[in-house]
Amino acid sequence: MKQRWALVTGASGLVGSTLVRKLIERGECVKAFVRAGADLSPLAGLPEDQLQLAYGDVTVTHTVFRALASCDRLYHVASPFKFWSKRPQEIIDGAVLGTRATLLAARRRGIQNIVVTSSAGVLGVSRSPEAFDEEHEFNLSDPEPYVRSKVEAAKVVDEFVNEGLPVVSVLPGSIFGPGDWKPTPNGQLLVRYLKLSPGFRVPVTNAGISVVDVEDVAEGHIKAMEQGEVGGRYLLGGENLTLTQLVQTLSEITGLAEPSEPKGQGMGELIGRLADLYAWWTNQTPPITYKLARDYGSSYVWVSSEKAERELGYSYRPARETLARAVRWLLEHDYVPRAAAGRVRLELRPI
């Protein structure tokens, strides 16, 4: 009997590479779709009889079509994950054109099992500290490029679903965890935190996010593939924390900086504007942008994963465990200068 494979796009990224490893651990065979020249460190050590590398570009249909040969499952994970660019359209095009080209290739191949990685960001924000579910309507009029890219890509998915393509969408919260080789914007925030001087107070606002471990998100993808309803959307969230609780948890784990008293919306927007200017001058990605401060500085992306828990058997670990795992990995892989790393008193509780 001919071996069937699963194709994972974005396989060298944090979610993609974690998903590849999880699938292989289950005994499955995986084609890892990556760009030519991609850093393959996240895929190192995987068994050659279960892993094939497939090179191409998700925005070019024929390269995805070629990679889908012998595959009966597709996980479309690839999408630019960054909050700032001098050419913001490239963030949007990478997600939208990539989703369209990949799903077109899947339709031509007749793939009947497809999971697409979206984001909780496509559901907007809440102005109060309350969790929302998949029915929450997007409520941002001019979102920053990453969120807009996910919103526009979700519309592409809807088009294909309406035309009969069997797609299930998963909407993760804010992802942290081991294996963040690039690192992602979330990983970069942790690296910046770990470099802070002792006694520094981290500025925070009255806002909140849902902290979810990358391995829990990967498991959620697999469960969505196995049990998800075609055309359905499933939030893959974690523990909902205020920004104050987030920084306080990091402080308790590491012995480093504590949160400030919450700042007002206006101060956050001012910092965002200054960060945008600095980024333009230096071409370095800022820790925050004006649009992020404006839309999320006094809002909550707190989500309920009840649907995924009920229908898929999804579960997630505590945020403290997730953040400790992420910090430990960054330290072990030398993302923090030795002098700064030496100040970290990482808690030694088992994880």
Protein backbone atom coordinates (compact mmCIF):
# COMPACT_ATOMS: atom_id res chain seq x y z
CA MET A 1 0.00 0.00 0.00
CA LYS A 2 1.32 3.42 -0.97
CA GLN A 3 2.35 5.59 1.98
CA ARG A 4 0.24 8.72 2.46
CA TRP A 5 1.74 11.93 3.78
CA ALA A 6 0.63 15.14 5.46
CA LEU A 7 1.94 18.43 4.10
CA VAL A 8 2.75 21.15 6.65
CA THR A 9 3.40 24.62 5.23
CA GLY A 10 5.50 27.01 7.29
CA ALA A 11 7.27 23.93 8.65
CA SER A 12 10.36 25.80 9.83
CA GLY A 13 8.36 28.24 11.97
CA LEU A 14 7.45 27.85 15.63
CA VAL A 15 3.98 26.35 15.17
CA GLY A 16 4.84 24.49 11.97
CA SER A 17 7.95 22.77 13.30
CA THR A 18 6.24 21.85 16.57
CA LEU A 19 3.35 20.38 14.59
CA VAL A 20 5.75 18.38 12.39
CA ARG A 21 7.40 16.90 15.48
CA LYS A 22 4.06 16.05 17.07
CA LEU A 23 2.86 14.29 13.92
CA ILE A 24 6.06 12.29 13.62
CA GLU A 25 5.85 11.31 17.30
CA ARG A 26 2.44 9.82 16.46
CA GLY A 27 4.03 7.70 13.73
CA GLU A 28 2.81 9.83 10.81
CA CYS A 29 4.80 10.77 7.73
CA VAL A 30 5.21 14.47 7.00
CA LYS A 31 6.31 16.64 4.11
CA ALA A 32 7.77 19.84 5.55
CA PHE A 33 7.10 22.70 3.11
CA VAL A 34 9.82 25.37 3.43
CA ARG A 35 11.36 28.13 1.39
CA ALA A 36 14.73 27.57 -0.25
CA GLY A 37 17.42 28.74 2.14
CA ALA A 38 15.23 28.45 5.23
CA ASP A 39 16.91 27.70 8.56
CA LEU A 40 16.16 24.03 9.15
CA SER A 41 17.37 23.96 12.77
CA PRO A 42 13.78 23.48 14.04
CA LEU A 43 13.57 20.19 12.10
CA ALA A 44 16.97 18.80 13.05
CA GLY A 45 17.17 15.22 14.26
CA LEU A 46 13.84 14.01 12.87
CA PRO A 47 13.79 10.52 11.31
CA GLU A 48 14.43 10.59 7.57
CA ASP A 49 11.96 7.79 6.86
CA GLN A 50 9.10 9.93 8.23
CA LEU A 51 10.17 13.37 7.02
CA GLN A 52 10.59 14.81 3.55
CA LEU A 53 11.56 18.38 2.77
CA ALA A 54 9.47 20.07 0.09
CA TYR A 55 10.81 23.39 -1.16
CA GLY A 56 8.60 26.09 -2.58
CA ASP A 57 6.60 29.24 -1.96
CA VAL A 58 3.04 29.18 -0.60
CA THR A 59 2.14 32.13 -2.83
CA VAL A 60 3.01 30.08 -5.94
CA THR A 61 0.30 27.49 -6.56
CA HIS A 62 2.29 25.03 -8.66
CA THR A 63 4.98 24.61 -5.98
CA VAL A 64 2.33 23.70 -3.40
CA PHE A 65 0.58 21.44 -5.93
CA ARG A 66 3.84 19.59 -6.54
CA ALA A 67 4.48 19.19 -2.80
CA LEU A 68 0.97 17.77 -2.26
CA ALA A 69 1.74 14.72 -4.40
CA SER A 70 1.08 11.55 -2.33
CA CYS A 71 -0.50 13.68 0.45
CA ASP A 72 -3.99 13.25 1.81
CA ARG A 73 -3.82 15.89 4.53
CA LEU A 74 -2.80 19.55 4.53
CA TYR A 75 -1.95 21.80 7.45
CA HIS A 76 -1.58 25.35 6.12
CA VAL A 77 0.38 27.10 8.85
CA ALA A 78 2.58 29.45 6.81
CA SER A 79 1.93 33.18 7.24
CA PRO A 80 4.14 36.18 8.04
CA PHE A 81 4.16 36.74 11.81
CA LYS A 82 5.40 40.25 12.39
CA PHE A 83 3.79 43.46 13.56
CA TRP A 84 5.89 46.00 11.67
CA SER A 85 7.41 46.46 8.24
CA LYS A 86 8.38 49.42 6.11
CA ARG A 87 6.27 47.65 3.49
CA PRO A 88 3.22 46.50 5.46
CA GLN A 89 1.54 45.20 2.32
CA GLU A 90 4.08 42.37 2.20
CA ILE A 91 2.68 41.06 5.50
CA ILE A 92 -0.85 41.14 4.12
CA ASP A 93 0.05 39.66 0.74
CA GLY A 94 2.06 36.85 2.32
CA ALA A 95 -1.00 35.67 4.24
CA VAL A 96 -3.73 36.35 1.68
CA LEU A 97 -1.95 35.26 -1.50
CA GLY A 98 -0.42 32.31 0.33
CA THR A 99 -3.78 31.09 1.58
CA ARG A 100 -5.41 31.46 -1.83
CA ALA A 101 -2.60 29.73 -3.72
CA THR A 102 -2.34 26.90 -1.19
CA LEU A 103 -6.07 26.18 -1.10
CA LEU A 104 -6.25 26.34 -4.88
CA ALA A 105 -3.51 23.70 -5.06
CA ALA A 106 -5.36 21.58 -2.49
CA ARG A 107 -8.57 21.79 -4.49
CA ARG A 108 -6.78 20.73 -7.68
CA ARG A 109 -5.24 17.79 -5.80
CA GLY A 110 -8.60 16.82 -4.34
CA ILE A 111 -7.37 17.06 -0.73
CA GLN A 112 -10.27 16.36 1.62
CA ASN A 113 -8.59 16.97 5.00
CA ILE A 114 -7.39 20.55 5.50
CA VAL A 115 -6.64 22.62 8.59
CA VAL A 116 -5.73 26.30 8.26
CA THR A 117 -4.02 28.29 11.01
CA SER A 118 -5.79 31.59 11.60
CA SER A 119 -5.65 33.71 14.78
CA ALA A 120 -7.82 34.79 17.67
CA GLY A 121 -7.08 38.26 16.34
CA VAL A 122 -9.70 37.81 13.59
CA LEU A 123 -12.38 38.10 16.30
CA GLY A 124 -11.32 41.58 17.41
CA VAL A 125 -11.11 42.71 21.02
CA SER A 126 -13.22 43.15 24.11
CA ARG A 127 -13.24 46.47 25.92
CA SER A 128 -13.82 44.71 29.25
CA PRO A 129 -11.99 41.78 30.86
CA GLU A 130 -14.37 39.12 29.54
CA ALA A 131 -13.60 36.10 27.37
CA PHE A 132 -15.31 35.86 23.99
CA ASP A 133 -15.95 32.89 21.71
CA GLU A 134 -15.95 32.15 17.98
CA GLU A 135 -19.14 34.18 17.44
CA HIS A 136 -17.53 37.47 18.49
CA GLU A 137 -17.55 39.95 15.60
CA PHE A 138 -14.40 41.70 14.48
CA ASN A 139 -14.56 45.29 15.73
CA LEU A 140 -11.36 47.08 14.65
CA SER A 141 -11.69 49.57 11.79
CA ASP A 142 -8.02 49.99 10.79
CA PRO A 143 -6.03 47.12 12.31
CA GLU A 144 -2.28 46.77 12.21
CA PRO A 145 -0.94 44.74 9.23
CA TYR A 146 -0.63 41.33 10.92
CA VAL A 147 -4.21 41.33 12.17
CA ARG A 148 -5.48 42.66 8.86
CA SER A 149 -3.58 39.89 7.05
CA LYS A 150 -5.31 37.25 9.17
CA VAL A 151 -8.74 38.85 8.68
CA GLU A 152 -8.30 38.98 4.90
CA ALA A 153 -6.92 35.42 4.79
CA ALA A 154 -9.96 34.21 6.75
CA LYS A 155 -12.19 35.69 4.04
CA VAL A 156 -10.30 33.64 1.47
CA VAL A 157 -10.91 30.50 3.52
CA ASP A 158 -14.62 31.32 3.65
CA GLU A 159 -14.70 31.63 -0.15
CA PHE A 160 -13.23 28.16 -0.59
CA VAL A 161 -15.48 26.63 2.07
CA ASN A 162 -18.52 28.11 0.35
CA GLU A 163 -17.31 26.49 -2.87
CA GLY A 164 -17.13 23.10 -1.15
CA LEU A 165 -13.50 22.77 -0.02
CA PRO A 166 -13.41 20.94 3.35
CA VAL A 167 -11.41 23.36 5.53
CA VAL A 168 -11.28 23.60 9.32
CA SER A 169 -9.80 26.77 10.85
CA VAL A 170 -8.00 27.02 14.18
CA LEU A 171 -7.59 30.36 15.96
CA PRO A 172 -4.72 30.33 18.47
CA GLY A 173 -4.20 32.93 21.19
CA SER A 174 -0.77 34.43 22.00
CA ILE A 175 1.70 31.59 21.46
CA PHE A 176 4.83 31.02 23.55
CA GLY A 177 7.02 28.01 24.10
CA PRO A 178 10.16 26.03 23.24
CA GLY A 179 11.50 25.92 19.71
CA ASP A 180 11.15 29.63 18.93
CA TRP A 181 14.26 29.73 16.76
CA LYS A 182 13.52 32.93 14.80
CA PRO A 183 12.26 34.11 17.36
CA THR A 184 8.66 35.25 16.85
CA PRO A 185 7.47 38.66 18.09
CA ASN A 186 6.29 36.96 21.30
CA GLY A 187 9.69 35.35 21.74
CA GLN A 188 11.37 38.69 21.07
CA LEU A 189 9.31 40.25 23.87
CA LEU A 190 10.60 37.60 26.27
CA VAL A 191 14.19 38.20 25.15
CA ARG A 192 13.79 41.94 25.73
CA TYR A 193 12.37 41.25 29.17
CA LEU A 194 15.27 38.98 30.09
CA LYS A 195 17.75 41.71 29.15
CA LEU A 196 16.20 44.36 31.42
CA SER A 197 18.27 45.86 34.21
CA PRO A 198 17.49 44.82 37.79
CA GLY A 199 14.87 47.03 39.41
CA PHE A 200 13.34 48.13 36.10
CA ARG A 201 9.56 48.45 36.11
CA VAL A 202 7.91 47.18 32.92
CA PRO A 203 5.28 49.63 31.63
CA VAL A 204 1.87 47.97 31.32
CA THR A 205 -1.66 49.09 30.52
CA ASN A 206 -5.09 47.79 31.47
CA ALA A 207 -5.21 45.09 28.81
CA GLY A 208 -4.91 41.34 28.51
CA ILE A 209 -4.02 38.37 26.30
CA SER A 210 -4.58 34.63 26.22
CA VAL A 211 -1.26 32.83 26.81
CA VAL A 212 -1.07 29.43 25.12
CA ASP A 213 1.75 26.91 24.78
CA VAL A 214 2.90 26.06 21.26
CA GLU A 215 2.66 22.32 21.97
CA ASP A 216 -0.96 22.69 23.04
CA VAL A 217 -1.65 24.62 19.82
CA ALA A 218 0.01 21.87 17.75
CA GLU A 219 -2.12 19.24 19.49
CA GLY A 220 -5.16 21.39 18.77
CA HIS A 221 -4.31 21.32 15.05
CA ILE A 222 -4.17 17.53 15.07
CA LYS A 223 -7.45 17.24 16.94
CA ALA A 224 -9.06 19.68 14.50
CA MET A 225 -7.88 17.53 11.61
CA GLU A 226 -9.35 14.42 13.21
CA GLN A 227 -12.59 15.77 14.63
CA GLY A 228 -13.19 19.32 13.41
CA GLU A 229 -16.37 20.27 11.61
CA VAL A 230 -15.85 21.34 8.01
CA GLY A 231 -16.17 25.10 7.78
CA GLY A 232 -15.86 25.37 11.56
CA ARG A 233 -13.60 27.67 13.55
CA TYR A 234 -12.00 26.64 16.84
CA LEU A 235 -10.32 28.98 19.30
CA LEU A 236 -7.16 27.46 20.73
CA GLY A 237 -6.61 29.70 23.72
CA GLY A 238 -4.87 29.33 27.03
CA GLU A 239 -4.93 31.09 30.37
CA ASN A 240 -6.27 34.65 30.13
CA LEU A 241 -3.97 37.15 31.86
CA THR A 242 -3.87 40.90 32.25
CA LEU A 243 -0.58 42.46 31.17
CA THR A 244 0.10 43.11 34.85
CA GLN A 245 -0.39 39.42 35.62
CA LEU A 246 1.77 38.45 32.64
CA VAL A 247 4.75 40.53 33.76
CA GLN A 248 4.25 39.58 37.40
CA THR A 249 4.32 35.89 36.44
CA LEU A 250 7.55 36.43 34.50
CA SER A 251 9.00 38.25 37.50
CA GLU A 252 8.10 35.37 39.82
CA ILE A 253 9.65 32.84 37.43
CA THR A 254 12.88 34.74 36.81
CA GLY A 255 13.39 37.08 39.75
CA LEU A 256 13.58 39.99 37.29
CA ALA A 257 11.56 43.14 36.57
CA GLU A 258 8.09 43.64 37.98
CA PRO A 259 5.20 45.50 36.30
CA SER A 260 4.60 49.21 36.77
CA GLU A 261 1.29 50.63 37.83
CA PRO A 262 -0.95 50.47 34.74
CA LYS A 263 -0.42 53.40 32.38
CA GLY A 264 -3.19 55.23 30.56
CA GLN A 265 -4.14 54.70 26.93
CA GLY A 266 -2.63 58.03 25.90
CA MET A 267 0.79 57.17 27.28
CA GLY A 268 0.75 53.84 25.45
CA GLU A 269 -0.11 55.51 22.15
CA LEU A 270 2.67 58.08 22.63
CA ILE A 271 5.18 55.30 23.25
CA GLY A 272 3.87 53.53 20.15
CA ARG A 273 4.35 56.61 17.96
CA LEU A 274 7.90 57.08 19.24
CA ALA A 275 8.62 53.39 18.62
CA ASP A 276 7.32 53.71 15.05
CA LEU A 277 9.67 56.64 14.40
CA TYR A 278 12.62 54.76 15.87
CA ALA A 279 11.80 51.74 13.70
CA TRP A 280 11.70 53.85 10.54
CA TRP A 281 15.07 55.41 11.30
CA THR A 282 16.82 52.20 12.31
CA ASN A 283 14.86 49.62 10.30
CA GLN A 284 14.60 47.56 13.50
CA THR A 285 11.34 45.99 14.60
CA PRO A 286 9.91 47.95 17.56
CA PRO A 287 8.51 46.23 20.68
CA ILE A 288 5.22 48.06 20.11
CA THR A 289 3.63 50.18 17.39
CA TYR A 290 1.11 52.98 17.48
CA LYS A 291 -1.66 50.79 16.04
CA LEU A 292 -0.97 48.01 18.55
CA ALA A 293 -1.07 50.52 21.41
CA ARG A 294 -4.22 52.14 20.06
CA ASP A 295 -6.17 48.92 19.48
CA TYR A 296 -4.89 46.76 22.33
CA GLY A 297 -3.63 49.20 24.98
CA SER A 298 -6.93 49.18 26.85
CA SER A 299 -8.54 46.07 25.33
CA TYR A 300 -8.58 42.35 25.97
CA VAL A 301 -8.08 39.41 23.66
CA TRP A 302 -9.38 36.98 26.24
CA VAL A 303 -10.88 33.93 24.61
CA SER A 304 -12.93 30.92 25.55
CA SER A 305 -11.75 27.58 24.17
CA GLU A 306 -14.91 25.84 25.35
CA LYS A 307 -15.94 24.81 21.81
CA ALA A 308 -12.56 23.19 21.10
CA GLU A 309 -12.55 21.54 24.52
CA ARG A 310 -16.06 20.16 24.00
CA GLU A 311 -15.84 19.10 20.35
CA LEU A 312 -12.15 18.28 19.96
CA GLY A 313 -10.97 17.33 23.43
CA TYR A 314 -8.57 20.29 23.40
CA SER A 315 -6.78 21.27 26.61
CA TYR A 316 -4.08 23.73 27.63
CA ARG A 317 -1.53 24.07 30.41
CA PRO A 318 -1.21 26.97 32.90
CA ALA A 319 0.42 30.18 31.64
CA ARG A 320 3.13 29.95 34.29
CA GLU A 321 4.28 26.61 32.92
CA THR A 322 4.16 27.88 29.34
CA LEU A 323 6.21 31.00 30.12
CA ALA A 324 8.75 29.03 32.18
CA ARG A 325 9.23 26.59 29.29
CA ALA A 326 9.70 29.44 26.82
CA VAL A 327 12.16 31.32 29.02
CA ARG A 328 14.20 28.21 29.79
CA TRP A 329 14.50 27.37 26.08
CA LEU A 330 15.65 30.89 25.16
CA LEU A 331 18.26 30.81 27.92
CA GLU A 332 19.51 27.34 26.98
CA HIS A 333 19.90 28.40 23.34
CA ASP A 334 21.84 31.59 24.13
CA TYR A 335 19.32 34.19 23.00
CA VAL A 336 20.24 36.27 26.05
CA PRO A 337 23.75 37.67 26.65
CA ARG A 338 25.65 35.76 29.34
CA ALA A 339 25.73 38.69 31.78
CA ALA A 340 21.97 39.16 31.57
CA ALA A 341 21.29 35.42 31.64
CA GLY A 342 23.30 35.14 34.84
CA ARG A 343 20.79 37.39 36.60
CA VAL A 344 17.89 35.04 35.90
CA ARG A 345 16.74 32.90 38.82
CA LEU A 346 14.53 30.56 36.81
CA GLU A 347 12.22 28.64 39.09
CA LEU A 348 13.08 24.99 39.30
CA ARG A 349 9.61 23.51 39.60
CA PRO A 350 9.12 20.59 37.21
CA ILE A 351 7.41 21.39 33.92
